[in-house]
C-alpha atoms as a PDB file:
ATOM      1  CA  MET A   1       5.171 -37.077  20.412  1.00  0.00           C
ATOM      2  CA  THR A   2       3.062 -36.720  17.277  1.00  0.00           C
ATOM      3  CA  SER A   3       3.733 -34.502  14.309  1.00  0.00           C
ATOM      4  CA  LYS A   4       0.598 -32.543  15.220  1.00  0.00           C
ATOM      5  CA  PHE A   5       2.192 -31.664  18.574  1.00  0.00           C
ATOM      6  CA  TYR A   6       5.232 -30.184  16.841  1.00  0.00           C
ATOM      7  CA  LEU A   7       3.037 -28.361  14.336  1.00  0.00           C
ATOM      8  CA  LYS A   8       1.130 -26.708  17.184  1.00  0.00           C
ATOM      9  CA  ARG A   9       4.336 -25.880  19.031  1.00  0.00           C
ATOM     10  CA  PHE A  10       5.934 -24.233  16.008  1.00  0.00           C
ATOM     11  CA  GLN A  11       2.811 -22.955  14.269  1.00  0.00           C
ATOM     12  CA  LEU A  12       3.902 -19.309  14.311  1.00  0.00           C
ATOM     13  CA  PRO A  13       7.314 -19.920  12.666  1.00  0.00           C
ATOM     14  CA  LEU A  14       5.585 -22.229  10.186  1.00  0.00           C
ATOM     15  CA  PHE A  15       3.037 -19.537   9.380  1.00  0.00           C
ATOM     16  CA  PHE A  16       5.737 -16.939   8.776  1.00  0.00           C
ATOM     17  CA  VAL A  17       7.671 -19.268   6.476  1.00  0.00           C
ATOM     18  CA  LEU A  18       4.593 -20.284   4.478  1.00  0.00           C
ATOM     19  CA  SER A  19       3.501 -16.667   4.045  1.00  0.00           C
ATOM     20  CA  LEU A  20       6.713 -16.138   2.059  1.00  0.00           C
ATOM     21  CA  ALA A  21       5.114 -18.161  -0.756  1.00  0.00           C
ATOM     22  CA  SER A  22       4.238 -14.726  -2.163  1.00  0.00           C
ATOM     23  CA  TRP A  23       7.925 -14.385  -2.995  1.00  0.00           C
ATOM     24  CA  VAL A  24       7.584 -17.061  -5.703  1.00  0.00           C
ATOM     25  CA  ILE A  25       6.037 -14.327  -7.848  1.00  0.00           C
ATOM     26  CA  TRP A  26       7.652 -11.261  -6.286  1.00  0.00           C
ATOM     27  CA  ILE A  27      11.313 -12.329  -6.498  1.00  0.00           C
ATOM     28  CA  PRO A  28      11.269 -12.749 -10.331  1.00  0.00           C
ATOM     29  CA  GLN A  29       9.597  -9.332 -10.569  1.00  0.00           C
ATOM     30  CA  ALA A  30      12.357  -7.851  -8.427  1.00  0.00           C
ATOM     31  CA  GLY A  31      14.870  -9.584 -10.683  1.00  0.00           C
ATOM     32  CA  VAL A  32      13.361  -7.913 -13.758  1.00  0.00           C
ATOM     33  CA  ALA A  33      13.488  -4.522 -12.020  1.00  0.00           C
ATOM     34  CA  LEU A  34      17.157  -5.138 -11.187  1.00  0.00           C
ATOM     35  CA  GLY A  35      17.938  -6.307 -14.698  1.00  0.00           C
ATOM     36  CA  ILE A  36      19.120  -9.740 -13.568  1.00  0.00           C
ATOM     37  CA  SER A  37      16.220 -11.720 -15.042  1.00  0.00           C
ATOM     38  CA  GLU A  38      14.177 -11.363 -18.194  1.00  0.00           C
ATOM     39  CA  SER A  39      10.713 -12.694 -17.407  1.00  0.00           C
ATOM     40  CA  ALA A  40       8.228 -12.511 -14.564  1.00  0.00           C
ATOM     41  CA  ILE A  41       4.485 -12.315 -14.055  1.00  0.00           C
ATOM     42  CA  SER A  42       3.334  -8.790 -14.870  1.00  0.00           C
ATOM     43  CA  LEU A  43       2.512  -6.407 -12.033  1.00  0.00           C
ATOM     44  CA  ASP A  44      -0.872  -5.949 -13.723  1.00  0.00           C
ATOM     45  CA  SER A  45      -1.617  -9.675 -13.829  1.00  0.00           C
ATOM     46  CA  PRO A  46      -4.468 -11.090 -11.697  1.00  0.00           C
ATOM     47  CA  LEU A  47      -1.954 -13.692 -10.508  1.00  0.00           C
ATOM     48  CA  ASN A  48       0.063 -10.886  -8.963  1.00  0.00           C
ATOM     49  CA  ALA A  49      -2.999  -9.826  -6.977  1.00  0.00           C
ATOM     50  CA  LEU A  50      -3.111 -13.304  -5.425  1.00  0.00           C
ATOM     51  CA  THR A  51       0.274 -12.741  -3.750  1.00  0.00           C
ATOM     52  CA  VAL A  52      -1.314 -10.607  -1.042  1.00  0.00           C
ATOM     53  CA  TRP A  53      -3.297 -13.698  -0.039  1.00  0.00           C
ATOM     54  CA  GLY A  54      -0.086 -15.470   0.961  1.00  0.00           C
ATOM     55  CA  PRO A  55      -0.567 -14.659   4.691  1.00  0.00           C
ATOM     56  CA  ALA A  56      -4.235 -15.714   4.637  1.00  0.00           C
ATOM     57  CA  LEU A  57      -3.517 -18.991   2.867  1.00  0.00           C
ATOM     58  CA  ALA A  58      -0.660 -19.705   5.270  1.00  0.00           C
ATOM     59  CA  ALA A  59      -2.949 -19.038   8.238  1.00  0.00           C
ATOM     60  CA  ILE A  60      -5.687 -21.283   6.849  1.00  0.00           C
ATOM     61  CA  LEU A  61      -3.267 -24.122   6.107  1.00  0.00           C
ATOM     62  CA  VAL A  62      -1.536 -23.995   9.502  1.00  0.00           C
ATOM     63  CA  THR A  63      -4.890 -23.786  11.297  1.00  0.00           C
ATOM     64  CA  LEU A  64      -6.258 -26.702   9.280  1.00  0.00           C
ATOM     65  CA  LEU A  65      -3.210 -28.812  10.138  1.00  0.00           C
ATOM     66  CA  THR A  66      -3.168 -27.973  13.839  1.00  0.00           C
ATOM     67  CA  VAL A  67      -6.828 -27.518  14.776  1.00  0.00           C
ATOM     68  CA  GLY A  68      -8.935 -28.689  11.869  1.00  0.00           C
ATOM     69  CA  ARG A  69     -11.972 -27.251  10.129  1.00  0.00           C
ATOM     70  CA  ALA A  70     -13.424 -25.863  13.345  1.00  0.00           C
ATOM     71  CA  GLY A  71     -10.261 -23.826  13.764  1.00  0.00           C
ATOM     72  CA  VAL A  72     -10.600 -22.389  10.262  1.00  0.00           C
ATOM     73  CA  ARG A  73     -14.157 -21.312  11.051  1.00  0.00           C
ATOM     74  CA  ALA A  74     -12.872 -19.678  14.238  1.00  0.00           C
ATOM     75  CA  LEU A  75     -10.145 -17.929  12.219  1.00  0.00           C
ATOM     76  CA  PHE A  76     -12.782 -16.196  10.082  1.00  0.00           C
ATOM     77  CA  HIS A  77     -15.167 -15.494  12.969  1.00  0.00           C
ATOM     78  CA  PRO A  78     -13.634 -12.153  14.140  1.00  0.00           C
ATOM     79  CA  ILE A  79     -14.478 -10.630  10.746  1.00  0.00           C
ATOM     80  CA  GLY A  80     -18.045 -10.485  12.049  1.00  0.00           C
ATOM     81  CA  ARG A  81     -17.051  -8.343  15.039  1.00  0.00           C
ATOM     82  CA  TRP A  82     -17.971  -5.051  13.413  1.00  0.00           C
ATOM     83  CA  ARG A  83     -19.459  -3.286  16.430  1.00  0.00           C
ATOM     84  CA  ALA A  84     -17.078  -0.736  17.907  1.00  0.00           C
ATOM     85  CA  ALA A  85     -17.251   2.683  19.523  1.00  0.00           C
ATOM     86  CA  PRO A  86     -17.517   5.561  17.001  1.00  0.00           C
ATOM     87  CA  GLN A  87     -14.030   6.880  17.781  1.00  0.00           C
ATOM     88  CA  TRP A  88     -12.469   3.689  16.438  1.00  0.00           C
ATOM     89  CA  PHE A  89     -14.300   4.001  13.136  1.00  0.00           C
ATOM     90  CA  ILE A  90     -13.188   7.626  12.909  1.00  0.00           C
ATOM     91  CA  PHE A  91      -9.577   6.654  13.573  1.00  0.00           C
ATOM     92  CA  VAL A  92      -9.355   3.736  11.138  1.00  0.00           C
ATOM     93  CA  LEU A  93     -11.130   5.606   8.345  1.00  0.00           C
ATOM     94  CA  PHE A  94      -9.393   8.978   8.612  1.00  0.00           C
ATOM     95  CA  PHE A  95      -5.949   8.365  10.125  1.00  0.00           C
ATOM     96  CA  ALA A  96      -4.195   7.981   6.769  1.00  0.00           C
ATOM     97  CA  GLY A  97      -5.742  11.112   5.264  1.00  0.00           C
ATOM     98  CA  ALA A  98      -5.184  13.186   8.408  1.00  0.00           C
ATOM     99  CA  ARG A  99      -1.556  12.043   8.572  1.00  0.00           C
ATOM    100  CA  TRP A 100      -0.983  13.072   4.955  1.00  0.00           C
ATOM    101  CA  LEU A 101      -2.558  16.499   5.466  1.00  0.00           C
ATOM    102  CA  ALA A 102      -0.563  17.072   8.661  1.00  0.00           C
ATOM    103  CA  ALA A 103       2.671  15.994   6.961  1.00  0.00           C
ATOM    104  CA  ARG A 104       2.009  18.310   4.016  1.00  0.00           C
ATOM    105  CA  LEU A 105       1.297  21.235   6.355  1.00  0.00           C
ATOM    106  CA  ILE A 106       4.427  20.561   8.414  1.00  0.00           C
ATOM    107  CA  ASP A 107       6.528  20.396   5.253  1.00  0.00           C
ATOM    108  CA  LEU A 108       5.160  23.767   4.151  1.00  0.00           C
ATOM    109  CA  LEU A 109       5.832  25.303   7.565  1.00  0.00           C
ATOM    110  CA  LEU A 110       9.390  23.966   7.477  1.00  0.00           C
ATOM    111  CA  GLY A 111       9.938  25.486   4.062  1.00  0.00           C
ATOM    112  CA  HIS A 112      10.177  22.249   2.093  1.00  0.00           C
ATOM    113  CA  SER A 113       9.366  23.176  -1.479  1.00  0.00           C
ATOM    114  CA  TYR A 114       8.408  20.464  -3.910  1.00  0.00           C
ATOM    115  CA  GLU A 115       5.961  19.770  -6.688  1.00  0.00           C
ATOM    116  CA  LEU A 116       3.125  17.390  -5.943  1.00  0.00           C
ATOM    117  CA  GLY A 117       2.400  14.856  -8.634  1.00  0.00           C
ATOM    118  CA  SER A 118      -0.848  13.018  -9.112  1.00  0.00           C
ATOM    119  CA  GLY A 119      -1.928  10.155  -6.892  1.00  0.00           C
ATOM    120  CA  PRO A 120      -0.457   6.756  -7.816  1.00  0.00           C
ATOM    121  CA  ILE A 121      -3.770   5.454  -9.075  1.00  0.00           C
ATOM    122  CA  PHE A 122      -4.139   8.391 -11.486  1.00  0.00           C
ATOM    123  CA  SER A 123      -0.672   7.655 -12.828  1.00  0.00           C
ATOM    124  CA  LEU A 124      -1.664   4.032 -13.377  1.00  0.00           C
ATOM    125  CA  PHE A 125      -5.054   4.758 -14.944  1.00  0.00           C
ATOM    126  CA  GLY A 126      -5.134   7.766 -17.261  1.00  0.00           C
ATOM    127  CA  PRO A 127      -8.297   9.662 -18.258  1.00  0.00           C
ATOM    128  CA  GLU A 128      -9.104   7.035 -20.870  1.00  0.00           C
ATOM    129  CA  GLN A 129      -9.088   4.350 -18.161  1.00  0.00           C
ATOM    130  CA  ALA A 130     -10.975   6.289 -15.498  1.00  0.00           C
ATOM    131  CA  ILE A 131     -13.619   3.573 -15.418  1.00  0.00           C
ATOM    132  CA  MET A 132     -11.042   1.347 -13.699  1.00  0.00           C
ATOM    133  CA  LEU A 133     -10.802   3.589 -10.611  1.00  0.00           C
ATOM    134  CA  PRO A 134     -13.899   2.180  -8.830  1.00  0.00           C
ATOM    135  CA  PHE A 135     -12.712  -1.372  -9.529  1.00  0.00           C
ATOM    136  CA  ALA A 136      -9.308  -0.618  -8.024  1.00  0.00           C
ATOM    137  CA  VAL A 137     -10.976   0.713  -4.875  1.00  0.00           C
ATOM    138  CA  ILE A 138     -13.305  -2.272  -4.635  1.00  0.00           C
ATOM    139  CA  LEU A 139     -10.411  -4.721  -5.089  1.00  0.00           C
ATOM    140  CA  ALA A 140      -8.572  -3.094  -2.185  1.00  0.00           C
ATOM    141  CA  PHE A 141     -10.991  -4.811   0.201  1.00  0.00           C
ATOM    142  CA  PRO A 142     -10.374  -8.475  -0.728  1.00  0.00           C
ATOM    143  CA  ASN A 143      -6.663  -7.742  -1.162  1.00  0.00           C
ATOM    144  CA  THR A 144      -6.272  -6.250   2.317  1.00  0.00           C
ATOM    145  CA  LEU A 145      -8.325  -9.063   3.823  1.00  0.00           C
ATOM    146  CA  GLY A 146      -5.762 -11.461   2.346  1.00  0.00           C
ATOM    147  CA  GLU A 147      -3.126  -9.849   4.518  1.00  0.00           C
ATOM    148  CA  GLU A 148      -5.170  -9.167   7.638  1.00  0.00           C
ATOM    149  CA  LEU A 149      -6.513 -12.708   7.956  1.00  0.00           C
ATOM    150  CA  GLY A 150      -2.877 -13.709   8.363  1.00  0.00           C
ATOM    151  CA  TRP A 151      -1.279 -10.799  10.221  1.00  0.00           C
ATOM    152  CA  ARG A 152      -3.984  -9.818  12.701  1.00  0.00           C
ATOM    153  CA  GLY A 153      -6.278 -12.831  12.363  1.00  0.00           C
ATOM    154  CA  PHE A 154      -3.634 -15.487  13.023  1.00  0.00           C
ATOM    155  CA  ALA A 155      -0.211 -14.089  13.907  1.00  0.00           C
ATOM    156  CA  LEU A 156      -1.131 -11.297  16.340  1.00  0.00           C
ATOM    157  CA  PRO A 157      -3.246 -13.435  18.715  1.00  0.00           C
ATOM    158  CA  GLY A 158      -0.521 -16.085  18.709  1.00  0.00           C
ATOM    159  CA  LEU A 159       2.196 -13.559  19.437  1.00  0.00           C
ATOM    160  CA  GLN A 160       0.199 -11.872  22.199  1.00  0.00           C
ATOM    161  CA  ALA A 161      -0.310 -15.236  23.859  1.00  0.00           C
ATOM    162  CA  ARG A 162       3.481 -15.268  24.366  1.00  0.00           C
ATOM    163  CA  TYR A 163       4.561 -11.624  24.506  1.00  0.00           C
ATOM    164  CA  ASN A 164       3.123  -8.263  25.456  1.00  0.00           C
ATOM    165  CA  ALA A 165       1.428  -6.015  22.913  1.00  0.00           C
ATOM    166  CA  LEU A 166       4.524  -3.928  22.203  1.00  0.00           C
ATOM    167  CA  VAL A 167       6.877  -6.848  21.566  1.00  0.00           C
ATOM    168  CA  SER A 168       4.218  -8.626  19.497  1.00  0.00           C
ATOM    169  CA  SER A 169       3.713  -5.520  17.365  1.00  0.00           C
ATOM    170  CA  ILE A 170       7.440  -5.046  16.810  1.00  0.00           C
ATOM    171  CA  ILE A 171       7.921  -8.674  15.743  1.00  0.00           C
ATOM    172  CA  LEU A 172       4.928  -8.563  13.413  1.00  0.00           C
ATOM    173  CA  GLY A 173       5.825  -5.126  12.035  1.00  0.00           C
ATOM    174  CA  LEU A 174       9.389  -6.190  11.215  1.00  0.00           C
ATOM    175  CA  PHE A 175       8.249  -9.367   9.476  1.00  0.00           C
ATOM    176  CA  TRP A 176       5.501  -7.471   7.676  1.00  0.00           C
ATOM    177  CA  GLY A 177       8.129  -5.138   6.262  1.00  0.00           C
ATOM    178  CA  PHE A 178      10.505  -7.990   5.454  1.00  0.00           C
ATOM    179  CA  TRP A 179       7.691  -9.776   3.584  1.00  0.00           C
ATOM    180  CA  HIS A 180       7.208  -6.711   1.374  1.00  0.00           C
ATOM    181  CA  ILE A 181      10.856  -6.280   0.323  1.00  0.00           C
ATOM    182  CA  PRO A 182      10.727  -8.123  -3.053  1.00  0.00           C
ATOM    183  CA  THR A 183       7.564  -6.348  -4.181  1.00  0.00           C
ATOM    184  CA  TRP A 184       8.912  -2.959  -3.087  1.00  0.00           C
ATOM    185  CA  ILE A 185      11.970  -3.633  -5.252  1.00  0.00           C
ATOM    186  CA  GLY A 186       9.860  -4.918  -8.133  1.00  0.00           C
ATOM    187  CA  GLN A 187       7.670  -1.815  -8.075  1.00  0.00           C
ATOM    188  CA  GLY A 188      10.605   0.560  -7.660  1.00  0.00           C
ATOM    189  CA  PHE A 189       9.529   1.821  -4.237  1.00  0.00           C
ATOM    190  CA  VAL A 190      12.977   1.538  -2.615  1.00  0.00           C
ATOM    191  CA  ASP A 191      16.588   2.193  -3.454  1.00  0.00           C
ATOM    192  CA  LEU A 192      18.819  -0.837  -3.351  1.00  0.00           C
ATOM    193  CA  SER A 193      20.797   0.319  -0.340  1.00  0.00           C
ATOM    194  CA  TRP A 194      20.563  -1.495   2.968  1.00  0.00           C
ATOM    195  CA  LEU A 195      19.692   1.791   4.665  1.00  0.00           C
ATOM    196  CA  SER A 196      16.770   2.455   2.338  1.00  0.00           C
ATOM    197  CA  LEU A 197      15.431  -1.069   2.853  1.00  0.00           C
ATOM    198  CA  LEU A 198      15.906  -0.849   6.626  1.00  0.00           C
ATOM    199  CA  VAL A 199      14.069   2.467   6.857  1.00  0.00           C
ATOM    200  CA  ARG A 200      11.223   1.095   4.757  1.00  0.00           C
ATOM    201  CA  VAL A 201      10.924  -2.051   6.892  1.00  0.00           C
ATOM    202  CA  LEU A 202      11.060  -0.073  10.137  1.00  0.00           C
ATOM    203  CA  SER A 203       8.346   2.274   8.856  1.00  0.00           C
ATOM    204  CA  LEU A 204       5.798  -0.534   9.271  1.00  0.00           C
ATOM    205  CA  VAL A 205       6.568  -1.019  12.976  1.00  0.00           C
ATOM    206  CA  PRO A 206       4.579   2.039  14.180  1.00  0.00           C
ATOM    207  CA  ILE A 207       1.733   1.058  11.855  1.00  0.00           C
ATOM    208  CA  ALA A 208       1.751  -2.448  13.360  1.00  0.00           C
ATOM    209  CA  ILE A 209       1.555  -0.854  16.823  1.00  0.00           C
ATOM    210  CA  LEU A 210      -1.514   1.121  15.763  1.00  0.00           C
ATOM    211  CA  PHE A 211      -3.119  -2.012  14.307  1.00  0.00           C
ATOM    212  CA  THR A 212      -2.595  -3.815  17.626  1.00  0.00           C
ATOM    213  CA  TRP A 213      -4.013  -0.839  19.522  1.00  0.00           C
ATOM    214  CA  VAL A 214      -7.156  -0.888  17.383  1.00  0.00           C
ATOM    215  CA  TYR A 215      -7.443  -4.687  17.546  1.00  0.00           C
ATOM    216  CA  ASN A 216      -7.063  -4.878  21.327  1.00  0.00           C
ATOM    217  CA  ASN A 217      -9.581  -2.099  21.949  1.00  0.00           C
ATOM    218  CA  THR A 218     -12.290  -3.440  19.645  1.00  0.00           C
ATOM    219  CA  ASN A 219     -12.631  -6.899  21.172  1.00  0.00           C
ATOM    220  CA  GLY A 220     -10.185  -8.481  18.739  1.00  0.00           C
ATOM    221  CA  SER A 221     -12.135  -7.221  15.732  1.00  0.00           C
ATOM    222  CA  LEU A 222     -10.591  -8.468  12.527  1.00  0.00           C
ATOM    223  CA  PHE A 223     -13.189  -6.370  10.725  1.00  0.00           C
ATOM    224  CA  MET A 224     -11.730  -3.162  12.182  1.00  0.00           C
ATOM    225  CA  ALA A 225      -8.178  -4.232  11.317  1.00  0.00           C
ATOM    226  CA  TRP A 226      -9.350  -5.025   7.787  1.00  0.00           C
ATOM    227  CA  LEU A 227     -11.105  -1.653   7.498  1.00  0.00           C
ATOM    228  CA  PHE A 228      -7.977   0.113   8.777  1.00  0.00           C
ATOM    229  CA  HIS A 229      -5.766  -1.638   6.221  1.00  0.00           C
ATOM    230  CA  ALA A 230      -8.233  -0.900   3.404  1.00  0.00           C
ATOM    231  CA  SER A 231      -8.355   2.765   4.415  1.00  0.00           C
ATOM    232  CA  LEU A 232      -4.556   3.029   4.404  1.00  0.00           C
ATOM    233  CA  THR A 233      -4.392   1.361   0.990  1.00  0.00           C
ATOM    234  CA  ILE A 234      -7.156   3.384  -0.664  1.00  0.00           C
ATOM    235  CA  THR A 235      -5.850   6.674   0.714  1.00  0.00           C
ATOM    236  CA  GLY A 236      -2.422   5.753  -0.622  1.00  0.00           C
ATOM    237  CA  TYR A 237      -3.964   5.257  -4.057  1.00  0.00           C
ATOM    238  CA  PHE A 238      -5.286   8.809  -4.296  1.00  0.00           C
ATOM    239  CA  VAL A 239      -2.953  11.164  -2.429  1.00  0.00           C
ATOM    240  CA  PRO A 240       0.323  12.206  -4.073  1.00  0.00           C
ATOM    241  CA  LEU A 241       3.487  10.717  -2.624  1.00  0.00           C
ATOM    242  CA  LEU A 242       5.394  13.155  -0.414  1.00  0.00           C
ATOM    243  CA  PRO A 243       9.163  13.208  -1.002  1.00  0.00           C
ATOM    244  CA  THR A 244       9.883  13.739   2.697  1.00  0.00           C
ATOM    245  CA  SER A 245       9.838  11.340   5.646  1.00  0.00           C
ATOM    246  CA  THR A 246       7.354  13.479   7.586  1.00  0.00           C
ATOM    247  CA  GLU A 247       4.522  10.945   7.340  1.00  0.00           C
ATOM    248  CA  THR A 248       6.723   8.212   8.782  1.00  0.00           C
ATOM    249  CA  VAL A 249       7.838  10.490  11.620  1.00  0.00           C
ATOM    250  CA  LEU A 250       4.204  11.281  12.422  1.00  0.00           C
ATOM    251  CA  SER A 251       3.385   7.552  12.488  1.00  0.00           C
ATOM    252  CA  TRP A 252       6.178   7.002  15.026  1.00  0.00           C
ATOM    253  CA  ILE A 253       4.956   9.905  17.163  1.00  0.00           C
ATOM    254  CA  VAL A 254       1.372   8.612  17.253  1.00  0.00           C
ATOM    255  CA  ALA A 255       2.570   5.066  18.017  1.00  0.00           C
ATOM    256  CA  LEU A 256       4.835   6.280  20.837  1.00  0.00           C
ATOM    257  CA  VAL A 257       1.951   8.261  22.333  1.00  0.00           C
ATOM    258  CA  VAL A 258      -0.195   5.104  22.263  1.00  0.00           C
ATOM    259  CA  VAL A 259       2.510   3.080  24.032  1.00  0.00           C
ATOM    260  CA  VAL A 260       3.159   5.770  26.672  1.00  0.00           C
ATOM    261  CA  VAL A 261      -0.510   6.477  27.404  1.00  0.00           C
ATOM    262  CA  THR A 262      -1.806   2.891  27.394  1.00  0.00           C
ATOM    263  CA  GLY A 263       1.286   0.957  28.494  1.00  0.00           C
ATOM    264  CA  PRO A 264       3.147  -1.757  26.569  1.00  0.00           C
ATOM    265  CA  ALA A 265       1.262  -4.735  27.979  1.00  0.00           C
ATOM    266  CA  ARG A 266      -2.071  -4.532  26.176  1.00  0.00           C
ATOM    267  CA  PHE A 267      -2.288  -1.001  24.729  1.00  0.00           C
ATOM    268  CA  ARG A 268      -5.413  -0.570  26.837  1.00  0.00           C
ATOM    269  CA  ARG A 269      -5.893   1.757  29.758  1.00  0.00           C
ATOM    270  CA  PRO A 270      -7.247  -0.040  32.848  1.00  0.00           C
ATOM    271  CA  VAL A 271     -10.944   0.374  33.564  1.00  0.00           C
ATOM    272  CA  ARG A 272     -11.458   2.370  36.766  1.00  0.00           C
END
């Protein structure tokens, strides 16, 4: 048997391993945050922005090795599938904002009292750097494409060829969270307890379920997955961080409703 045969057989594990190339930059940054190393590429460096293209580059390389150039063209093709029913555009564009508003309202109703700070992007760019805000929003699109070309463009179709939609989403969501661990540490987003890391990783599982739901109901549209990821990212830039876990709980509730209503096989209700 040829090496190409084995590459095709193990292309998903190979993709997951290669996507961890992002850690080459992220692990030193985590080390600086932990005080165990002294130098790393700055979080503001353009090189740091390239780390989110780890999944895309892994997908391109594995596809090139197993299928060839035609396969790479096919990998990019679903970006052009932009036609979808209006309700899917409404969901992908407004889910993140609606979730935040609902979480804030629930917190108020439950009597949780806390001060809201400014959105993360306003903390990063003060009034004297306000001109950078549009650039940060614009850059969210190529950055999120770097992830989605790998996660939903390559990994999700491969996983769903072997498992049902629910299992595929859980596998991808867990790895997606695992992939983020060094950068979460480097940016100070998590405490260094196993429980904090576990909760943070698990929080991406319901989001992965929603991505699969959107993807499977829009004819495998990578464009819609990309738009969904960009919307989540941009909304996260501007809304203040809530100190409660209400947003995560709401994500789990919505994901569970999707699984119950549509079934775990394809996240699509049968056409009658």
